[in-house]
Protein backbone atom coordinates (compact mmCIF):
# COMPACT_ATOMS: atom_id res chain seq x y z
CA MET A 1 10.43 4.23 -13.38
CA ALA A 2 11.71 7.64 -14.77
CA GLY A 3 13.45 9.62 -12.93
CA GLN A 4 15.12 8.66 -9.78
CA GLU A 5 14.71 5.43 -8.65
CA ASN A 6 12.79 4.08 -6.22
CA ARG A 7 14.31 2.47 -2.73
CA TRP A 8 12.98 -0.33 -2.95
CA ALA A 9 14.72 -0.48 -6.35
CA GLU A 10 17.35 -0.19 -4.79
CA LEU A 11 17.32 -2.60 -2.06
CA THR A 12 16.52 -4.77 -4.57
CA GLY A 13 17.63 -3.81 -8.12
CA GLY A 14 14.15 -5.13 -9.19
CA GLN A 15 14.65 -9.14 -8.98
CA ALA A 16 12.94 -9.95 -5.78
CA GLY A 17 9.54 -10.92 -6.59
CA GLN A 18 9.97 -14.49 -6.09
CA GLU A 19 12.16 -14.57 -2.89
CA TYR A 20 9.27 -12.00 -1.51
CA ALA A 21 6.79 -14.70 -2.33
CA GLN A 22 9.05 -17.36 -0.51
CA ARG A 23 9.11 -15.37 2.37
CA PHE A 24 5.67 -15.16 3.46
CA ALA A 25 5.02 -19.31 2.48
CA ARG A 26 7.34 -19.68 4.58
CA LEU A 27 5.38 -17.32 7.26
CA ALA A 28 2.04 -19.20 6.43
CA ALA A 29 3.53 -22.48 6.76
CA SER A 30 4.89 -21.96 10.26
CA GLY A 31 1.81 -20.91 11.33
CA HIS A 32 1.84 -17.28 11.50
CA ASP A 33 -1.12 -14.99 10.00
CA VAL A 34 -0.11 -13.28 6.73
CA HIS A 35 -3.33 -12.20 6.18
CA GLY A 36 -3.51 -8.81 8.47
CA GLU A 37 -3.54 -6.28 6.08
CA ALA A 38 -6.66 -8.07 4.34
CA ALA A 39 -8.37 -8.03 7.36
CA PHE A 40 -7.90 -4.78 8.76
CA CYS A 41 -9.19 -3.70 4.82
CA ALA A 42 -12.18 -5.72 4.86
CA ALA A 43 -13.55 -4.92 8.60
CA LEU A 44 -13.78 -1.04 6.69
CA LEU A 45 -15.41 -2.11 3.27
CA GLU A 46 -18.73 -3.27 2.57
CA PRO A 47 -19.09 -5.72 0.62
CA GLY A 48 -18.19 -5.80 -3.36
CA ALA A 49 -15.98 -2.99 -2.84
CA ARG A 50 -13.09 -1.72 -5.12
CA VAL A 51 -9.84 -1.81 -4.10
CA LEU A 52 -6.99 -0.28 -5.37
CA ASP A 53 -3.58 -2.12 -3.74
CA ALA A 54 -0.74 0.75 -4.30
CA GLY A 55 2.54 -1.05 -4.62
CA CYS A 56 0.45 -3.96 -4.41
CA GLY A 57 4.20 -6.49 -4.46
CA THR A 58 3.84 -10.12 -5.41
CA GLY A 59 -0.33 -9.61 -4.46
CA ARG A 60 -0.24 -11.35 -1.67
CA VAL A 61 -2.95 -8.42 0.15
CA ALA A 62 -4.70 -7.93 -3.25
CA ILE A 63 -5.75 -11.77 -4.02
CA ARG A 64 -6.70 -12.28 -0.19
CA LEU A 65 -9.63 -9.36 -1.19
CA ALA A 66 -10.07 -10.51 -3.67
CA GLU A 67 -10.75 -13.83 -2.22
CA LEU A 68 -13.06 -12.22 0.71
CA GLY A 69 -15.42 -10.29 -2.57
CA HIS A 70 -14.00 -7.15 -3.61
CA TYR A 71 -12.40 -6.48 -6.71
CA CYS A 72 -9.11 -5.51 -6.91
CA THR A 73 -6.56 -3.95 -8.99
CA GLY A 74 -2.80 -3.91 -7.91
CA VAL A 75 -0.19 -1.54 -9.24
CA ASP A 76 4.02 -1.65 -8.52
CA VAL A 77 6.39 -0.40 -10.50
CA ASP A 78 8.51 -4.04 -10.13
CA SER A 79 8.38 -6.25 -12.68
CA SER A 80 9.47 -9.26 -10.84
CA MET A 81 6.73 -8.81 -8.29
CA LEU A 82 3.64 -8.34 -10.62
CA ALA A 83 5.01 -11.65 -12.13
CA VAL A 84 4.27 -13.83 -9.35
CA ALA A 85 0.74 -12.01 -8.61
CA ARG A 86 0.28 -13.02 -12.34
CA ARG A 87 0.52 -16.38 -11.70
CA ASP A 88 -1.28 -16.51 -8.88
CA ALA A 89 -3.77 -14.69 -9.96
CA PRO A 90 -4.40 -14.81 -13.53
CA THR A 91 -7.76 -12.78 -13.74
CA GLN A 92 -6.56 -10.48 -11.69
CA GLU A 93 -5.78 -6.74 -13.13
CA TRP A 94 -2.61 -6.13 -12.67
CA LEU A 95 -0.61 -3.07 -13.75
CA LEU A 96 2.94 -1.66 -14.39
CA GLY A 97 3.58 1.86 -12.83
CA ASP A 98 5.13 4.02 -11.01
CA LEU A 99 2.75 5.59 -7.77
CA ALA A 100 3.15 8.73 -8.67
CA HIS A 101 1.84 9.04 -12.48
CA LEU A 102 -1.11 6.80 -11.32
CA ASP A 103 -2.80 9.05 -13.98
CA ALA A 104 -1.19 7.83 -17.13
CA LEU A 105 -2.53 4.43 -16.25
CA GLY A 106 -6.06 5.81 -17.33
CA LEU A 107 -8.28 3.82 -14.14
CA ASP A 108 -11.22 4.56 -13.60
CA PRO A 109 -11.97 6.49 -10.41
CA GLY A 110 -13.93 5.93 -7.93
CA TYR A 111 -12.30 3.68 -5.80
CA ASP A 112 -13.66 2.68 -1.97
CA LEU A 113 -10.36 2.16 -0.87
CA ALA A 114 -6.44 2.76 -1.49
CA LEU A 115 -4.17 0.69 -0.17
CA ALA A 116 -0.46 1.74 0.40
CA ALA A 117 0.69 -1.24 2.71
CA GLY A 118 4.32 -2.87 2.92
CA ASN A 119 6.19 0.36 3.88
CA VAL A 120 4.95 1.57 0.08
CA ILE A 121 5.49 5.43 1.65
CA PRO A 122 8.96 5.42 2.94
CA LEU A 123 10.36 3.38 0.03
CA LEU A 124 8.96 5.90 -2.58
CA ALA A 125 11.60 7.78 -4.55
CA PRO A 126 12.64 10.59 -2.70
CA GLY A 127 10.95 13.60 -3.22
CA THR A 128 7.68 12.08 -4.82
CA GLY A 129 5.83 11.51 -1.53
CA SER A 130 3.48 13.96 -1.62
CA ALA A 131 2.87 13.75 -5.26
CA VAL A 132 1.88 9.33 -4.34
CA VAL A 133 -0.69 10.53 -2.24
CA ARG A 134 -2.18 13.20 -4.31
CA GLN A 135 -3.01 10.48 -6.73
CA LEU A 136 -4.38 7.69 -4.62
CA ALA A 137 -6.75 10.58 -2.62
CA SER A 138 -7.59 11.16 -6.82
CA ALA A 139 -8.29 7.63 -7.10
CA LEU A 140 -11.02 7.30 -4.73
CA ARG A 141 -14.33 7.95 -4.38
CA PRO A 142 -15.87 10.85 -2.07
CA GLY A 143 -15.65 9.46 1.06
CA GLY A 144 -13.10 6.29 -0.09
CA LEU A 145 -10.02 5.18 2.29
CA LEU A 146 -6.63 5.82 2.39
CA VAL A 147 -4.94 2.85 4.58
CA THR A 148 -1.42 2.89 5.04
CA GLY A 149 1.20 1.36 6.81
CA MET A 150 4.83 2.70 7.42
CA GLY A 151 8.18 1.68 9.71
CA LEU A 152 8.85 5.25 11.23
CA ASP A 153 12.13 3.61 12.25
CA ALA A 154 14.94 1.94 11.31
CA ALA A 155 13.56 -1.43 13.18
CA HIS A 156 10.72 -1.98 11.04
CA LEU A 157 12.27 -0.62 7.89
CA PRO A 158 14.88 -2.03 5.44
CA LEU A 159 16.72 0.79 5.94
CA PRO A 160 19.15 2.41 8.38
CA GLU A 161 16.64 5.72 8.79
CA PRO A 162 13.40 6.78 8.82
CA THR A 163 12.82 8.82 5.11
CA VAL A 164 9.45 10.21 6.23
CA THR A 165 8.05 11.13 9.34
CA ILE A 166 4.51 10.51 10.55
CA THR A 167 3.82 14.47 10.68
CA GLU A 168 5.12 14.75 7.32
CA PHE A 169 2.31 11.91 6.04
CA ASP A 170 -0.06 13.63 7.79
CA HIS A 171 0.58 17.05 6.03
CA TRP A 172 0.83 15.42 1.89
CA CYS A 173 -2.83 13.54 3.17
CA THR A 174 -4.18 17.53 4.63
CA GLN A 175 -2.54 18.76 0.96
CA ALA A 176 -4.73 15.89 -1.05
CA GLY A 177 -8.36 16.47 0.80
CA LEU A 178 -7.78 14.07 2.80
CA ALA A 179 -8.61 13.51 7.09
CA LEU A 180 -6.81 11.48 9.33
CA ARG A 181 -10.01 9.05 10.47
CA GLN A 182 -8.12 6.25 13.01
CA ARG A 183 -4.24 5.21 13.58
CA CYS A 184 -2.42 2.35 14.62
CA ALA A 185 0.25 0.43 15.75
CA THR A 186 -0.39 -2.62 13.68
CA TRP A 187 -2.93 -4.38 11.48
CA SER A 188 -4.25 -6.02 14.38
CA GLY A 189 -5.20 -2.36 15.29
CA ASP A 190 -2.79 -2.02 18.35
CA PRO A 191 -3.28 1.74 20.08
CA TYR A 192 -1.26 3.77 18.72
CA HIS A 193 1.07 6.35 21.02
CA GLN A 194 3.50 9.31 20.44
CA GLY A 195 7.32 7.32 19.63
CA CYS A 196 5.31 3.90 18.31
CA GLY A 197 7.53 2.32 15.27
CA TYR A 198 5.33 1.38 13.13
CA ALA A 199 1.89 3.12 11.84
CA VAL A 200 -1.04 2.23 10.20
CA SER A 201 -3.30 4.96 9.26
CA VAL A 202 -6.55 5.42 8.14
CA HIS A 203 -7.06 8.19 5.96
CA SER A 204 -10.76 10.13 4.57
CA ARG A 205 -11.19 11.94 1.31
CA ALA A 206 -14.41 14.12 2.09
CA ALA A 207 -17.98 13.00 1.68
CA THR A 208 -18.85 15.58 -1.31
């Protein structure tokens, strides 16, 4: 990744892929539902939709959405995470790239939904948030959706303090031509209220 490292790379050194995958495998084995993000997105999609999983990590969400019949492309800047995704789903499309420069990957625009889960937005390189949102909006078809999940306080982040407020994030979305359609406090759809420590947001690109 050119320029300043993203906060995820600073935390992990870019070598967290296998450990991250094992963490979710343990959760699944203990009976936890590890597919909340995929279920949330699937409820918003028509059959056979095109999905861009931005900051896809080990591919957990994109693989599940593909199992549900959608066509998913995963992008991540961490090659150790993508190595796990490619091992687990070798026929899916996994791309190494910086979300602030998605246009450099030559993606076909027109995605029905772009997803940035797992605190992707707070963990971006400082100063790149608005550019990333703009790139994700450009990847969407008219009427397409940007779905994000992010911690808003230290209790919901792998960081000592939040790096972006929900007001700042909404401003980036507005600048990118996106309008807020829905906001929840969890991937299960619990109601959001001011002061929530986590926000799941659905923004839409104008239909025309």
